[in-house]
Protein backbone atom coordinates (compact mmCIF):
# COMPACT_ATOMS: atom_id res chain seq x y z
CA UNK A 1 112.24 90.10 121.05
CA UNK A 2 112.08 92.69 118.49
CA UNK A 3 113.93 96.32 118.40
CA UNK A 4 111.60 99.62 119.27
CA UNK A 5 109.80 100.52 116.05
CA UNK A 6 111.28 103.86 114.72
CA UNK A 7 108.95 106.78 114.27
CA UNK A 8 107.69 107.51 110.47
CA UNK A 9 106.86 104.33 109.36
CA UNK A 10 104.14 104.15 107.29
CA UNK A 11 101.84 100.66 107.09
CA UNK A 12 103.80 98.80 105.16
CA UNK A 13 106.99 99.75 106.21
CA UNK A 14 105.93 98.92 109.45
CA UNK A 15 105.11 95.32 108.39
CA UNK A 16 108.60 94.94 106.76
CA UNK A 17 110.22 96.36 110.15
CA UNK A 18 108.09 93.95 112.24
CA UNK A 19 108.75 91.16 109.74
CA UNK A 20 112.51 91.43 109.56
CA UNK A 21 113.82 93.20 112.86
CA UNK A 22 115.56 91.12 115.86
CA UNK A 23 118.26 92.04 117.99
CA UNK A 24 121.07 92.07 115.78
CA UNK A 25 122.17 95.97 115.16
CA UNK A 26 123.54 95.52 111.84
CA UNK A 27 120.10 93.20 110.66
CA UNK A 28 117.98 96.04 111.91
CA UNK A 29 120.04 98.75 109.99
CA UNK A 30 118.87 96.51 106.85
CA UNK A 31 115.34 96.30 108.16
CA UNK A 32 114.76 99.78 108.46
CA UNK A 33 116.02 101.11 105.49
CA UNK A 34 113.83 98.14 103.91
CA UNK A 35 110.63 99.78 106.08
CA UNK A 36 111.48 103.48 104.33
CA UNK A 37 112.32 101.86 101.08
CA UNK A 38 108.87 100.33 101.03
CA UNK A 39 107.31 103.28 102.24
CA UNK A 40 108.74 105.05 99.27
CA UNK A 41 107.62 102.59 96.62
CA UNK A 42 103.72 103.01 98.30
CA UNK A 43 104.63 106.77 97.67
CA UNK A 44 105.79 106.62 94.43
CA UNK A 45 103.04 104.55 93.24
CA UNK A 46 100.38 106.75 94.58
CA UNK A 47 102.14 109.39 92.70
CA UNK A 48 102.19 107.04 89.39
CA UNK A 49 98.32 106.48 89.87
CA UNK A 50 97.85 110.30 90.33
CA UNK A 51 96.76 109.74 93.86
CA UNK A 52 99.82 111.57 95.12
CA UNK A 53 101.61 115.03 94.74
CA UNK A 54 104.81 115.37 93.15
CA UNK A 55 106.51 118.42 91.91
CA UNK A 56 107.29 116.89 88.59
CA UNK A 57 109.50 120.25 87.25
CA UNK A 58 112.14 122.19 89.05
CA UNK A 59 113.79 125.59 87.89
CA UNK A 60 116.81 126.96 89.34
CA UNK A 61 117.87 130.82 88.18
CA UNK A 62 121.75 130.05 87.31
CA UNK A 63 122.58 133.53 85.87
CA UNK A 64 120.89 137.09 85.19
CA UNK A 65 122.44 140.06 83.59
CA UNK A 66 121.16 143.18 83.06
CA UNK A 67 123.21 145.43 80.63
CA UNK A 68 120.48 147.77 80.69
CA UNK A 69 119.46 147.33 76.93
CA UNK A 70 119.37 143.32 77.11
CA UNK A 71 118.45 140.74 79.73
CA UNK A 72 120.32 137.04 80.00
CA UNK A 73 118.62 134.63 81.85
CA UNK A 74 119.83 131.54 82.16
CA UNK A 75 117.33 128.60 84.05
CA UNK A 76 117.53 125.33 84.31
CA UNK A 77 114.58 122.95 84.26
CA UNK A 78 114.68 119.39 85.40
CA UNK A 79 111.79 116.87 85.19
CA UNK A 80 110.94 113.82 87.69
CA UNK A 81 110.90 110.36 86.75
CA UNK A 82 108.51 108.88 88.98
CA UNK A 83 108.80 105.28 87.25
CA UNK A 84 112.68 105.06 86.84
CA UNK A 85 112.87 106.06 90.79
CA UNK A 86 109.82 103.57 91.62
CA UNK A 87 112.23 100.86 89.68
CA UNK A 88 114.80 102.17 91.23
CA UNK A 89 113.69 101.81 94.57
CA UNK A 90 112.20 98.17 93.95
CA UNK A 91 115.54 96.93 92.74
CA UNK A 92 116.76 98.23 96.42
CA UNK A 93 114.41 96.57 98.37
CA UNK A 94 115.18 93.85 96.76
CA UNK A 95 118.65 93.71 97.38
CA UNK A 96 118.05 94.67 100.61
CA UNK A 97 115.57 91.60 101.40
CA UNK A 98 118.03 89.39 99.66
CA UNK A 99 120.83 90.14 101.55
CA UNK A 100 118.04 90.02 104.76
CA UNK A 101 117.29 86.18 103.81
CA UNK A 102 119.73 83.20 103.90
CA UNK A 103 120.69 81.85 100.57
CA UNK A 104 118.27 78.95 99.49
CA UNK A 105 121.30 76.39 99.40
CA UNK A 106 121.88 77.49 103.09
CA UNK A 107 118.67 77.09 104.32
CA UNK A 108 117.62 74.53 106.68
CA UNK A 109 114.78 72.24 105.32
CA UNK A 110 111.79 72.41 106.84
CA UNK A 111 108.72 69.74 106.96
CA UNK A 112 106.30 72.52 106.06
CA UNK A 113 104.97 73.03 103.03
CA UNK A 114 107.38 75.20 100.33
CA UNK A 115 105.97 78.93 99.72
CA UNK A 116 104.90 79.15 95.88
CA UNK A 117 106.42 80.57 93.19
CA UNK A 118 106.07 83.89 92.35
CA UNK A 119 105.66 85.36 95.71
CA UNK A 120 107.79 88.39 97.32
CA UNK A 121 110.80 87.79 99.08
CA UNK A 122 109.16 89.38 102.00
CA UNK A 123 106.13 86.77 102.08
CA UNK A 124 109.17 84.04 102.05
CA UNK A 125 110.71 85.63 105.14
CA UNK A 126 107.38 86.17 106.55
CA UNK A 127 106.22 82.36 106.08
CA UNK A 128 110.10 81.33 107.29
CA UNK A 129 109.31 83.72 110.47
CA UNK A 130 106.02 81.71 111.21
CA UNK A 131 107.70 78.89 110.98
CA UNK A 132 109.93 79.90 113.86
CA UNK A 133 107.30 80.97 116.10
């Protein structure tokens, strides 16, 4: 039996939640973060492909002085880096999924076919959950 589906998850986040959630509160906390991170990665991917909307520049006025003759304006400009953020989110997702999956040495051997190399940790967890069912 899995926990109630949290509100606000996207398509991939919902898949991750269904694959990873259970009855354990700590596991569900990690499963929810993995689901949210998967959704963030989808959003970032859309932005990188030019399909999403992202304000790439932020402006902040720090100081404005007007002494009658001269105006001094101090403006800070920041640029967003969606590729760097996507990289960080991918690392975070891999870390969470690693914590949710037992180490390979501790995993019980099964008679089912092994998961082919090159699949994602989520695919390995799905395959393991299918074996349990």
